[in-house]
Amino acid sequence: MLDDLAIYQKTYDFMLWLHPVVNKFPKSQRFVLGQRIENKTIDLIHAFIVANAAREKHTLLAAASADLDELRMLVRLAKDLRFMSVRQYGFAAERMNEIGRMLAGWMARFPQPNAA
């Protein structure tokens, strides 16, 4: 099931780590940038669930890759605005890079179908 899907578990664990970090953002940003970060992480998990169940995975995995890129940008912005520490950012970047490597491997297993 989904617990066997390693990328799902890594992303879920990242979301569990990220939630209390986002809750410490300044109140004015918790419901703006913080909510966007949390929603994008949930979107990423949703994309993995849908792709896992789909026959044509490549398009869905490409969309998940775009979600991951957007999440990276949002987390970097949070660091640059000093809503998270450099240490927290480093940890988040490592986790997102790991998820990205796993996603790239998954995408390699399901190449884009030839356009006819």
PDB file of N, CA and C in Angstrom:
ATOM      1  N   MET A   1       0.843  -1.185   0.000  1.00  0.00           N
ATOM      2  CA  MET A   1       0.000   0.000   0.000  1.00  0.00           C
ATOM      3  C   MET A   1       0.878   1.235   0.000  1.00  0.00           C
ATOM      4  N   LEU A   2       0.346   2.361   0.416  1.00  0.00           N
ATOM      5  CA  LEU A   2       1.106   3.611   0.375  1.00  0.00           C
ATOM      6  C   LEU A   2       2.292   3.611   1.327  1.00  0.00           C
ATOM      7  N   ASP A   3       2.177   2.921   2.455  1.00  0.00           N
ATOM      8  CA  ASP A   3       3.293   2.891   3.393  1.00  0.00           C
ATOM      9  C   ASP A   3       4.512   2.217   2.780  1.00  0.00           C
ATOM     10  N   ASP A   4       4.296   1.388   1.761  1.00  0.00           N
ATOM     11  CA  ASP A   4       5.403   0.737   1.070  1.00  0.00           C
ATOM     12  C   ASP A   4       6.061   1.660   0.054  1.00  0.00           C
ATOM     13  N   LEU A   5       5.409   2.737  -0.301  1.00  0.00           N
ATOM     14  CA  LEU A   5       5.942   3.691  -1.267  1.00  0.00           C
ATOM     15  C   LEU A   5       6.881   4.638  -0.515  1.00  0.00           C
ATOM     16  N   ALA A   6       8.173   4.438  -0.665  1.00  0.00           N
ATOM     17  CA  ALA A   6       9.172   5.157   0.130  1.00  0.00           C
ATOM     18  C   ALA A   6       9.080   6.671  -0.051  1.00  0.00           C
ATOM     19  N   ILE A   7       8.826   7.132  -1.261  1.00  0.00           N
ATOM     20  CA  ILE A   7       8.760   8.573  -1.503  1.00  0.00           C
ATOM     21  C   ILE A   7       7.572   9.187  -0.757  1.00  0.00           C
ATOM     22  N   TYR A   8       6.489   8.451  -0.687  1.00  0.00           N
ATOM     23  CA  TYR A   8       5.327   8.915   0.084  1.00  0.00           C
ATOM     24  C   TYR A   8       5.707   9.068   1.550  1.00  0.00           C
ATOM     25  N   GLN A   9       6.369   8.064   2.115  1.00  0.00           N
ATOM     26  CA  GLN A   9       6.736   8.088   3.524  1.00  0.00           C
ATOM     27  C   GLN A   9       7.726   9.210   3.821  1.00  0.00           C
ATOM     28  N   LYS A  10       8.705   9.412   2.946  1.00  0.00           N
ATOM     29  CA  LYS A  10       9.684  10.493   3.144  1.00  0.00           C
ATOM     30  C   LYS A  10       8.994  11.848   3.114  1.00  0.00           C
ATOM     31  N   THR A  11       8.069  12.022   2.196  1.00  0.00           N
ATOM     32  CA  THR A  11       7.363  13.297   2.084  1.00  0.00           C
ATOM     33  C   THR A  11       6.436  13.507   3.274  1.00  0.00           C
ATOM     34  N   TYR A  12       5.786  12.451   3.717  1.00  0.00           N
ATOM     35  CA  TYR A  12       4.918  12.535   4.890  1.00  0.00           C
ATOM     36  C   TYR A  12       5.726  12.904   6.135  1.00  0.00           C
ATOM     37  N   ASP A  13       6.883  12.261   6.313  1.00  0.00           N
ATOM     38  CA  ASP A  13       7.745  12.580   7.458  1.00  0.00           C
ATOM     39  C   ASP A  13       8.237  14.023   7.384  1.00  0.00           C
ATOM     40  N   PHE A  14       8.542  14.489   6.167  1.00  0.00           N
ATOM     41  CA  PHE A  14       8.956  15.881   5.984  1.00  0.00           C
ATOM     42  C   PHE A  14       7.827  16.824   6.382  1.00  0.00           C
ATOM     43  N   MET A  15       6.606  16.477   5.997  1.00  0.00           N
ATOM     44  CA  MET A  15       5.456  17.310   6.352  1.00  0.00           C
ATOM     45  C   MET A  15       5.273  17.359   7.871  1.00  0.00           C
ATOM     46  N   LEU A  16       5.462  16.226   8.540  1.00  0.00           N
ATOM     47  CA  LEU A  16       5.358  16.212  10.010  1.00  0.00           C
ATOM     48  C   LEU A  16       6.419  17.099  10.656  1.00  0.00           C
ATOM     49  N   TRP A  17       7.630  17.097  10.104  1.00  0.00           N
ATOM     50  CA  TRP A  17       8.698  17.955  10.624  1.00  0.00           C
ATOM     51  C   TRP A  17       8.396  19.430  10.327  1.00  0.00           C
ATOM     52  N   LEU A  18       7.865  19.699   9.143  1.00  0.00           N
ATOM     53  CA  LEU A  18       7.642  21.065   8.678  1.00  0.00           C
ATOM     54  C   LEU A  18       6.516  21.774   9.424  1.00  0.00           C
ATOM     55  N   HIS A  19       5.508  21.051   9.822  1.00  0.00           N
ATOM     56  CA  HIS A  19       4.327  21.674  10.444  1.00  0.00           C
ATOM     57  C   HIS A  19       4.674  22.553  11.659  1.00  0.00           C
ATOM     58  N   PRO A  20       5.413  22.056  12.650  1.00  0.00           N
ATOM     59  CA  PRO A  20       5.727  22.933  13.782  1.00  0.00           C
ATOM     60  C   PRO A  20       6.660  24.088  13.402  1.00  0.00           C
ATOM     61  N   VAL A  21       7.472  23.906  12.392  1.00  0.00           N
ATOM     62  CA  VAL A  21       8.342  25.000  11.936  1.00  0.00           C
ATOM     63  C   VAL A  21       7.480  26.128  11.375  1.00  0.00           C
ATOM     64  N   VAL A  22       6.522  25.777  10.535  1.00  0.00           N
ATOM     65  CA  VAL A  22       5.631  26.770   9.929  1.00  0.00           C
ATOM     66  C   VAL A  22       4.777  27.452  10.995  1.00  0.00           C
ATOM     67  N   ASN A  23       4.381  26.708  12.018  1.00  0.00           N
ATOM     68  CA  ASN A  23       3.559  27.299  13.081  1.00  0.00           C
ATOM     69  C   ASN A  23       4.303  28.346  13.892  1.00  0.00           C
ATOM     70  N   LYS A  24       5.623  28.410  13.746  1.00  0.00           N
ATOM     71  CA  LYS A  24       6.410  29.436  14.434  1.00  0.00           C
ATOM     72  C   LYS A  24       6.696  30.644  13.556  1.00  0.00           C
ATOM     73  N   PHE A  25       6.191  30.644  12.335  1.00  0.00           N
ATOM     74  CA  PHE A  25       6.326  31.824  11.481  1.00  0.00           C
ATOM     75  C   PHE A  25       5.597  32.978  12.157  1.00  0.00           C
ATOM     76  N   PRO A  26       5.979  34.224  11.851  1.00  0.00           N
ATOM     77  CA  PRO A  26       5.213  35.370  12.384  1.00  0.00           C
ATOM     78  C   PRO A  26       3.741  35.237  12.002  1.00  0.00           C
ATOM     79  N   LYS A  27       2.894  35.671  12.900  1.00  0.00           N
ATOM     80  CA  LYS A  27       1.454  35.503  12.701  1.00  0.00           C
ATOM     81  C   LYS A  27       0.996  36.051  11.350  1.00  0.00           C
ATOM     82  N   SER A  28       1.573  37.153  10.920  1.00  0.00           N
ATOM     83  CA  SER A  28       1.162  37.758   9.651  1.00  0.00           C
ATOM     84  C   SER A  28       1.507  36.879   8.450  1.00  0.00           C
ATOM     85  N   GLN A  29       2.482  35.980   8.597  1.00  0.00           N
ATOM     86  CA  GLN A  29       2.898  35.123   7.494  1.00  0.00           C
ATOM     87  C   GLN A  29       2.459  33.674   7.649  1.00  0.00           C
ATOM     88  N   ARG A  30       2.030  33.306   8.835  1.00  0.00           N
ATOM     89  CA  ARG A  30       1.631  31.925   9.085  1.00  0.00           C
ATOM     90  C   ARG A  30       0.493  31.512   8.164  1.00  0.00           C
ATOM     91  N   PHE A  31      -0.396  32.448   7.875  1.00  0.00           N
ATOM     92  CA  PHE A  31      -1.566  32.112   7.060  1.00  0.00           C
ATOM     93  C   PHE A  31      -1.392  32.548   5.609  1.00  0.00           C
ATOM     94  N   VAL A  32      -0.208  33.017   5.271  1.00  0.00           N
ATOM     95  CA  VAL A  32       0.087  33.379   3.888  1.00  0.00           C
ATOM     96  C   VAL A  32       1.162  32.419   3.380  1.00  0.00           C
ATOM     97  N   LEU A  33       2.407  32.710   3.676  1.00  0.00           N
ATOM     98  CA  LEU A  33       3.512  31.872   3.216  1.00  0.00           C
ATOM     99  C   LEU A  33       3.478  30.491   3.877  1.00  0.00           C
ATOM    100  N   GLY A  34       3.221  30.467   5.170  1.00  0.00           N
ATOM    101  CA  GLY A  34       3.171  29.185   5.879  1.00  0.00           C
ATOM    102  C   GLY A  34       2.112  28.254   5.315  1.00  0.00           C
ATOM    103  N   GLN A  35       0.941  28.804   5.031  1.00  0.00           N
ATOM    104  CA  GLN A  35      -0.144  27.991   4.471  1.00  0.00           C
ATOM    105  C   GLN A  35       0.200  27.502   3.078  1.00  0.00           C
ATOM    106  N   ARG A  36       0.850  28.348   2.279  1.00  0.00           N
ATOM    107  CA  ARG A  36       1.261  27.936   0.933  1.00  0.00           C
ATOM    108  C   ARG A  36       2.245  26.771   1.002  1.00  0.00           C
ATOM    109  N   ILE A  37       3.197  26.851   1.948  1.00  0.00           N
ATOM    110  CA  ILE A  37       4.178  25.779   2.104  1.00  0.00           C
ATOM    111  C   ILE A  37       3.482  24.480   2.499  1.00  0.00           C
ATOM    112  N   GLU A  38       2.612  24.550   3.478  1.00  0.00           N
ATOM    113  CA  GLU A  38       1.914  23.340   3.913  1.00  0.00           C
ATOM    114  C   GLU A  38       1.020  22.790   2.800  1.00  0.00           C
ATOM    115  N   ASN A  39       0.318  23.659   2.097  1.00  0.00           N
ATOM    116  CA  ASN A  39      -0.550  23.196   1.010  1.00  0.00           C
ATOM    117  C   ASN A  39       0.257  22.556  -0.114  1.00  0.00           C
ATOM    118  N   LYS A  40       1.409  23.139  -0.427  1.00  0.00           N
ATOM    119  CA  LYS A  40       2.230  22.582  -1.505  1.00  0.00           C
ATOM    120  C   LYS A  40       2.772  21.209  -1.104  1.00  0.00           C
ATOM    121  N   THR A  41       3.091  21.019   0.178  1.00  0.00           N
ATOM    122  CA  THR A  41       3.549  19.714   0.648  1.00  0.00           C
ATOM    123  C   THR A  41       2.418  18.690   0.547  1.00  0.00           C
ATOM    124  N   ILE A  42       1.227  19.093   0.900  1.00  0.00           N
ATOM    125  CA  ILE A  42       0.064  18.209   0.774  1.00  0.00           C
ATOM    126  C   ILE A  42      -0.217  17.905  -0.699  1.00  0.00           C
ATOM    127  N   ASP A  43      -0.076  18.909  -1.567  1.00  0.00           N
ATOM    128  CA  ASP A  43      -0.245  18.684  -3.010  1.00  0.00           C
ATOM    129  C   ASP A  43       0.748  17.644  -3.519  1.00  0.00           C
ATOM    130  N   LEU A  44       1.975  17.716  -3.011  1.00  0.00           N
ATOM    131  CA  LEU A  44       3.008  16.777  -3.420  1.00  0.00           C
ATOM    132  C   LEU A  44       2.641  15.348  -3.000  1.00  0.00           C
ATOM    133  N   ILE A  45       2.197  15.200  -1.772  1.00  0.00           N
ATOM    134  CA  ILE A  45       1.771  13.875  -1.307  1.00  0.00           C
ATOM    135  C   ILE A  45       0.589  13.378  -2.139  1.00  0.00           C
ATOM    136  N   HIS A  46      -0.352  14.260  -2.419  1.00  0.00           N
ATOM    137  CA  HIS A  46      -1.502  13.900  -3.243  1.00  0.00           C
ATOM    138  C   HIS A  46      -1.046  13.435  -4.626  1.00  0.00           C
ATOM    139  N   ALA A  47      -0.090  14.134  -5.214  1.00  0.00           N
ATOM    140  CA  ALA A  47       0.421  13.760  -6.534  1.00  0.00           C
ATOM    141  C   ALA A  47       1.032  12.366  -6.513  1.00  0.00           C
ATOM    142  N   PHE A  48       1.734  12.029  -5.426  1.00  0.00           N
ATOM    143  CA  PHE A  48       2.339  10.698  -5.328  1.00  0.00           C
ATOM    144  C   PHE A  48       1.266   9.616  -5.204  1.00  0.00           C
ATOM    145  N   ILE A  49       0.226   9.899  -4.452  1.00  0.00           N
ATOM    146  CA  ILE A  49      -0.871   8.942  -4.291  1.00  0.00           C
ATOM    147  C   ILE A  49      -1.555   8.696  -5.633  1.00  0.00           C
ATOM    148  N   VAL A  50      -1.861   9.775  -6.354  1.00  0.00           N
ATOM    149  CA  VAL A  50      -2.535   9.650  -7.647  1.00  0.00           C
ATOM    150  C   VAL A  50      -1.630   8.946  -8.660  1.00  0.00           C
ATOM    151  N   ALA A  51      -0.360   9.324  -8.715  1.00  0.00           N
ATOM    152  CA  ALA A  51       0.569   8.706  -9.667  1.00  0.00           C
ATOM    153  C   ALA A  51       0.749   7.222  -9.375  1.00  0.00           C
ATOM    154  N   ASN A  52       0.778   6.865  -8.109  1.00  0.00           N
ATOM    155  CA  ASN A  52       0.950   5.464  -7.739  1.00  0.00           C
ATOM    156  C   ASN A  52      -0.208   4.609  -8.270  1.00  0.00           C
ATOM    157  N   ALA A  53      -1.393   5.180  -8.307  1.00  0.00           N
ATOM    158  CA  ALA A  53      -2.575   4.437  -8.741  1.00  0.00           C
ATOM    159  C   ALA A  53      -2.812   4.510 -10.246  1.00  0.00           C
ATOM    160  N   ALA A  54      -2.127   5.431 -10.922  1.00  0.00           N
ATOM    161  CA  ALA A  54      -2.397   5.666 -12.346  1.00  0.00           C
ATOM    162  C   ALA A  54      -1.613   4.718 -13.241  1.00  0.00           C
ATOM    163  N   ARG A  55      -2.161   4.499 -14.437  1.00  0.00           N
ATOM    164  CA  ARG A  55      -1.437   3.709 -15.434  1.00  0.00           C
ATOM    165  C   ARG A  55      -0.389   4.578 -16.118  1.00  0.00           C
ATOM    166  N   GLU A  56      -0.775   5.777 -16.545  1.00  0.00           N
ATOM    167  CA  GLU A  56       0.143   6.725 -17.179  1.00  0.00           C
ATOM    168  C   GLU A  56       0.715   7.617 -16.086  1.00  0.00           C
ATOM    169  N   LYS A  57       1.910   7.312 -15.662  1.00  0.00           N
ATOM    170  CA  LYS A  57       2.501   7.995 -14.520  1.00  0.00           C
ATOM    171  C   LYS A  57       3.315   9.230 -14.891  1.00  0.00           C
ATOM    172  N   HIS A  58       3.892   9.269 -16.090  1.00  0.00           N
ATOM    173  CA  HIS A  58       4.877  10.298 -16.404  1.00  0.00           C
ATOM    174  C   HIS A  58       4.341  11.718 -16.247  1.00  0.00           C
ATOM    175  N   THR A  59       3.179  11.993 -16.797  1.00  0.00           N
ATOM    176  CA  THR A  59       2.616  13.343 -16.715  1.00  0.00           C
ATOM    177  C   THR A  59       2.352  13.734 -15.266  1.00  0.00           C
ATOM    178  N   LEU A  60       1.838  12.800 -14.491  1.00  0.00           N
ATOM    179  CA  LEU A  60       1.562  13.066 -13.080  1.00  0.00           C
ATOM    180  C   LEU A  60       2.855  13.280 -12.298  1.00  0.00           C
ATOM    181  N   LEU A  61       3.878  12.511 -12.614  1.00  0.00           N
ATOM    182  CA  LEU A  61       5.161  12.668 -11.926  1.00  0.00           C
ATOM    183  C   LEU A  61       5.839  13.973 -12.328  1.00  0.00           C
ATOM    184  N   ALA A  62       5.658  14.393 -13.579  1.00  0.00           N
ATOM    185  CA  ALA A  62       6.205  15.682 -14.019  1.00  0.00           C
ATOM    186  C   ALA A  62       5.527  16.828 -13.260  1.00  0.00           C
ATOM    187  N   ALA A  63       4.232  16.707 -13.040  1.00  0.00           N
ATOM    188  CA  ALA A  63       3.519  17.724 -12.254  1.00  0.00           C
ATOM    189  C   ALA A  63       4.001  17.720 -10.806  1.00  0.00           C
ATOM    190  N   ALA A  64       4.276  16.542 -10.266  1.00  0.00           N
ATOM    191  CA  ALA A  64       4.811  16.444  -8.904  1.00  0.00           C
ATOM    192  C   ALA A  64       6.180  17.094  -8.825  1.00  0.00           C
ATOM    193  N   SER A  65       6.986  16.943  -9.865  1.00  0.00           N
ATOM    194  CA  SER A  65       8.304  17.577  -9.907  1.00  0.00           C
ATOM    195  C   SER A  65       8.163  19.096  -9.875  1.00  0.00           C
ATOM    196  N   ALA A  66       7.192  19.628 -10.595  1.00  0.00           N
ATOM    197  CA  ALA A  66       6.942  21.072 -10.574  1.00  0.00           C
ATOM    198  C   ALA A  66       6.488  21.513  -9.178  1.00  0.00           C
ATOM    199  N   ASP A  67       5.653  20.708  -8.533  1.00  0.00           N
ATOM    200  CA  ASP A  67       5.230  21.017  -7.157  1.00  0.00           C
ATOM    201  C   ASP A  67       6.433  21.051  -6.221  1.00  0.00           C
ATOM    202  N   LEU A  68       7.345  20.103  -6.384  1.00  0.00           N
ATOM    203  CA  LEU A  68       8.538  20.065  -5.545  1.00  0.00           C
ATOM    204  C   LEU A  68       9.408  21.299  -5.780  1.00  0.00           C
ATOM    205  N   ASP A  69       9.545  21.719  -7.036  1.00  0.00           N
ATOM    206  CA  ASP A  69      10.318  22.929  -7.335  1.00  0.00           C
ATOM    207  C   ASP A  69       9.693  24.158  -6.684  1.00  0.00           C
ATOM    208  N   GLU A  70       8.377  24.231  -6.727  1.00  0.00           N
ATOM    209  CA  GLU A  70       7.690  25.361  -6.088  1.00  0.00           C
ATOM    210  C   GLU A  70       7.875  25.319  -4.572  1.00  0.00           C
ATOM    211  N   LEU A  71       7.803  24.122  -3.987  1.00  0.00           N
ATOM    212  CA  LEU A  71       8.018  23.978  -2.549  1.00  0.00           C
ATOM    213  C   LEU A  71       9.428  24.423  -2.174  1.00  0.00           C
ATOM    214  N   ARG A  72      10.408  24.048  -2.971  1.00  0.00           N
ATOM    215  CA  ARG A  72      11.791  24.481  -2.718  1.00  0.00           C
ATOM    216  C   ARG A  72      11.894  25.998  -2.688  1.00  0.00           C
ATOM    217  N   MET A  73      11.236  26.656  -3.654  1.00  0.00           N
ATOM    218  CA  MET A  73      11.268  28.111  -3.723  1.00  0.00           C
ATOM    219  C   MET A  73      10.597  28.736  -2.502  1.00  0.00           C
ATOM    220  N   LEU A  74       9.471  28.197  -2.083  1.00  0.00           N
ATOM    221  CA  LEU A  74       8.755  28.747  -0.936  1.00  0.00           C
ATOM    222  C   LEU A  74       9.560  28.581   0.359  1.00  0.00           C
ATOM    223  N   VAL A  75      10.197  27.435   0.524  1.00  0.00           N
ATOM    224  CA  VAL A  75      11.007  27.201   1.724  1.00  0.00           C
ATOM    225  C   VAL A  75      12.230  28.124   1.723  1.00  0.00           C
ATOM    226  N   ARG A  76      12.820  28.305   0.552  1.00  0.00           N
ATOM    227  CA  ARG A  76      13.963  29.232   0.461  1.00  0.00           C
ATOM    228  C   ARG A  76      13.535  30.653   0.803  1.00  0.00           C
ATOM    229  N   LEU A  77      12.376  31.053   0.322  1.00  0.00           N
ATOM    230  CA  LEU A  77      11.857  32.376   0.644  1.00  0.00           C
ATOM    231  C   LEU A  77      11.656  32.528   2.148  1.00  0.00           C
ATOM    232  N   ALA A  78      11.123  31.499   2.779  1.00  0.00           N
ATOM    233  CA  ALA A  78      10.927  31.542   4.236  1.00  0.00           C
ATOM    234  C   ALA A  78      12.260  31.707   4.956  1.00  0.00           C
ATOM    235  N   LYS A  79      13.289  31.056   4.456  1.00  0.00           N
ATOM    236  CA  LYS A  79      14.630  31.201   5.054  1.00  0.00           C
ATOM    237  C   LYS A  79      15.167  32.607   4.821  1.00  0.00           C
ATOM    238  N   ASP A  80      15.028  33.112   3.601  1.00  0.00           N
ATOM    239  CA  ASP A  80      15.540  34.440   3.272  1.00  0.00           C
ATOM    240  C   ASP A  80      14.821  35.542   4.047  1.00  0.00           C
ATOM    241  N   LEU A  81      13.562  35.305   4.363  1.00  0.00           N
ATOM    242  CA  LEU A  81      12.799  36.265   5.173  1.00  0.00           C
ATOM    243  C   LEU A  81      13.029  36.058   6.673  1.00  0.00           C
ATOM    244  N   ARG A  82      13.858  35.075   6.992  1.00  0.00           N
ATOM    245  CA  ARG A  82      14.243  34.742   8.364  1.00  0.00           C
ATOM    246  C   ARG A  82      13.087  34.201   9.205  1.00  0.00           C
ATOM    247  N   PHE A  83      12.184  33.486   8.534  1.00  0.00           N
ATOM    248  CA  PHE A  83      11.107  32.825   9.248  1.00  0.00           C
ATOM    249  C   PHE A  83      11.543  31.437   9.712  1.00  0.00           C
ATOM    250  N   MET A  84      12.657  30.964   9.145  1.00  0.00           N
ATOM    251  CA  MET A  84      13.255  29.708   9.590  1.00  0.00           C
ATOM    252  C   MET A  84      14.765  29.913   9.621  1.00  0.00           C
ATOM    253  N   SER A  85      15.399  29.158  10.479  1.00  0.00           N
ATOM    254  CA  SER A  85      16.846  29.294  10.635  1.00  0.00           C
ATOM    255  C   SER A  85      17.582  28.655   9.460  1.00  0.00           C
ATOM    256  N   VAL A  86      18.840  29.011   9.321  1.00  0.00           N
ATOM    257  CA  VAL A  86      19.672  28.407   8.282  1.00  0.00           C
ATOM    258  C   VAL A  86      19.778  26.901   8.523  1.00  0.00           C
ATOM    259  N   ARG A  87      19.863  26.509   9.773  1.00  0.00           N
ATOM    260  CA  ARG A  87      19.932  25.084  10.113  1.00  0.00           C
ATOM    261  C   ARG A  87      18.642  24.364   9.696  1.00  0.00           C
ATOM    262  N   GLN A  88      17.501  24.969   9.990  1.00  0.00           N
ATOM    263  CA  GLN A  88      16.233  24.377   9.582  1.00  0.00           C
ATOM    264  C   GLN A  88      16.143  24.301   8.059  1.00  0.00           C
ATOM    265  N   TYR A  89      16.592  25.355   7.400  1.00  0.00           N
ATOM    266  CA  TYR A  89      16.580  25.367   5.938  1.00  0.00           C
ATOM    267  C   TYR A  89      17.473  24.257   5.388  1.00  0.00           C
ATOM    268  N   GLY A  90      18.647  24.089   5.978  1.00  0.00           N
ATOM    269  CA  GLY A  90      19.557  23.034   5.541  1.00  0.00           C
ATOM    270  C   GLY A  90      18.916  21.664   5.660  1.00  0.00           C
ATOM    271  N   PHE A  91      18.252  21.424   6.775  1.00  0.00           N
ATOM    272  CA  PHE A  91      17.564  20.145   6.972  1.00  0.00           C
ATOM    273  C   PHE A  91      16.467  19.978   5.922  1.00  0.00           C
ATOM    274  N   ALA A  92      15.667  21.034   5.719  1.00  0.00           N
ATOM    275  CA  ALA A  92      14.575  20.972   4.744  1.00  0.00           C
ATOM    276  C   ALA A  92      15.121  20.737   3.339  1.00  0.00           C
ATOM    277  N   ALA A  93      16.200  21.423   2.990  1.00  0.00           N
ATOM    278  CA  ALA A  93      16.786  21.274   1.658  1.00  0.00           C
ATOM    279  C   ALA A  93      17.279  19.844   1.438  1.00  0.00           C
ATOM    280  N   GLU A  94      17.902  19.254   2.456  1.00  0.00           N
ATOM    281  CA  GLU A  94      18.350  17.863   2.346  1.00  0.00           C
ATOM    282  C   GLU A  94      17.171  16.928   2.094  1.00  0.00           C
ATOM    283  N   ARG A  95      16.082  17.126   2.856  1.00  0.00           N
ATOM    284  CA  ARG A  95      14.906  16.264   2.680  1.00  0.00           C
ATOM    285  C   ARG A  95      14.299  16.452   1.293  1.00  0.00           C
ATOM    286  N   MET A  96      14.185  17.706   0.841  1.00  0.00           N
ATOM    287  CA  MET A  96      13.595  17.955  -0.477  1.00  0.00           C
ATOM    288  C   MET A  96      14.485  17.402  -1.587  1.00  0.00           C
ATOM    289  N   ASN A  97      15.807  17.487  -1.418  1.00  0.00           N
ATOM    290  CA  ASN A  97      16.708  16.907  -2.412  1.00  0.00           C
ATOM    291  C   ASN A  97      16.574  15.392  -2.457  1.00  0.00           C
ATOM    292  N   GLU A  98      16.426  14.776  -1.295  1.00  0.00           N
ATOM    293  CA  GLU A  98      16.234  13.323  -1.239  1.00  0.00           C
ATOM    294  C   GLU A  98      14.938  12.928  -1.946  1.00  0.00           C
ATOM    295  N   ILE A  99      13.876  13.668  -1.673  1.00  0.00           N
ATOM    296  CA  ILE A  99      12.595  13.410  -2.341  1.00  0.00           C
ATOM    297  C   ILE A  99      12.751  13.613  -3.845  1.00  0.00           C
ATOM    298  N   GLY A 100      13.480  14.644  -4.232  1.00  0.00           N
ATOM    299  CA  GLY A 100      13.717  14.913  -5.649  1.00  0.00           C
ATOM    300  C   GLY A 100      14.471  13.784  -6.338  1.00  0.00           C
ATOM    301  N   ARG A 101      15.478  13.230  -5.672  1.00  0.00           N
ATOM    302  CA  ARG A 101      16.219  12.102  -6.248  1.00  0.00           C
ATOM    303  C   ARG A 101      15.307  10.877  -6.404  1.00  0.00           C
ATOM    304  N   MET A 102      14.477  10.638  -5.408  1.00  0.00           N
ATOM    305  CA  MET A 102      13.553   9.508  -5.476  1.00  0.00           C
ATOM    306  C   MET A 102      12.549   9.719  -6.613  1.00  0.00           C
ATOM    307  N   LEU A 103      12.071  10.940  -6.755  1.00  0.00           N
ATOM    308  CA  LEU A 103      11.118  11.265  -7.815  1.00  0.00           C
ATOM    309  C   LEU A 103      11.768  11.091  -9.186  1.00  0.00           C
ATOM    310  N   ALA A 104      13.008  11.529  -9.335  1.00  0.00           N
ATOM    311  CA  ALA A 104      13.715  11.371 -10.612  1.00  0.00           C
ATOM    312  C   ALA A 104      13.874   9.893 -10.962  1.00  0.00           C
ATOM    313  N   GLY A 105      14.169   9.077  -9.961  1.00  0.00           N
ATOM    314  CA  GLY A 105      14.278   7.645 -10.196  1.00  0.00           C
ATOM    315  C   GLY A 105      12.956   7.036 -10.616  1.00  0.00           C
ATOM    316  N   TRP A 106      11.883   7.481  -9.986  1.00  0.00           N
ATOM    317  CA  TRP A 106      10.550   6.983 -10.328  1.00  0.00           C
ATOM    318  C   TRP A 106      10.193   7.395 -11.755  1.00  0.00           C
ATOM    319  N   MET A 107      10.515   8.654 -12.110  1.00  0.00           N
ATOM    320  CA  MET A 107      10.220   9.139 -13.453  1.00  0.00           C
ATOM    321  C   MET A 107      11.016   8.370 -14.501  1.00  0.00           C
ATOM    322  N   ALA A 108      12.241   7.993 -14.186  1.00  0.00           N
ATOM    323  CA  ALA A 108      13.078   7.241 -15.130  1.00  0.00           C
ATOM    324  C   ALA A 108      12.476   5.870 -15.434  1.00  0.00           C
ATOM    325  N   ARG A 109      11.778   5.312 -14.470  1.00  0.00           N
ATOM    326  CA  ARG A 109      11.139   4.009 -14.679  1.00  0.00           C
ATOM    327  C   ARG A 109       9.916   4.101 -15.587  1.00  0.00           C
ATOM    328  N   PHE A 110       9.355   5.288 -15.713  1.00  0.00           N
ATOM    329  CA  PHE A 110       8.159   5.502 -16.525  1.00  0.00           C
ATOM    330  C   PHE A 110       8.397   6.647 -17.484  1.00  0.00           C
ATOM    331  N   PRO A 111       9.145   6.406 -18.569  1.00  0.00           N
ATOM    332  CA  PRO A 111       9.459   7.486 -19.509  1.00  0.00           C
ATOM    333  C   PRO A 111       8.208   8.018 -20.183  1.00  0.00           C
ATOM    334  N   GLN A 112       8.354   9.230 -20.702  1.00  0.00           N
ATOM    335  CA  GLN A 112       7.238   9.863 -21.376  1.00  0.00           C
ATOM    336  C   GLN A 112       6.845   9.043 -22.596  1.00  0.00           C
ATOM    337  N   PRO A 113       5.548   8.772 -22.734  1.00  0.00           N
ATOM    338  CA  PRO A 113       5.113   8.000 -23.924  1.00  0.00           C
ATOM    339  C   PRO A 113       5.347   8.817 -25.189  1.00  0.00           C
ATOM    340  N   ASN A 114       5.602   8.123 -26.294  1.00  0.00           N
ATOM    341  CA  ASN A 114       5.827   8.814 -27.579  1.00  0.00           C
ATOM    342  C   ASN A 114       4.545   9.473 -28.035  1.00  0.00           C
ATOM    343  N   ALA A 115       4.699  10.705 -28.474  1.00  0.00           N
ATOM    344  CA  ALA A 115       3.548  11.430 -29.006  1.00  0.00           C
ATOM    345  C   ALA A 115       3.309  10.939 -30.433  1.00  0.00           C
ATOM    346  N   ALA A 116       2.081  10.594 -30.727  1.00  0.00           N
ATOM    347  CA  ALA A 116       1.784  10.051 -32.067  1.00  0.00           C
ATOM    348  C   ALA A 116       1.011  11.046 -32.895  1.00  0.00           C
TER     349      ALA A 116
END
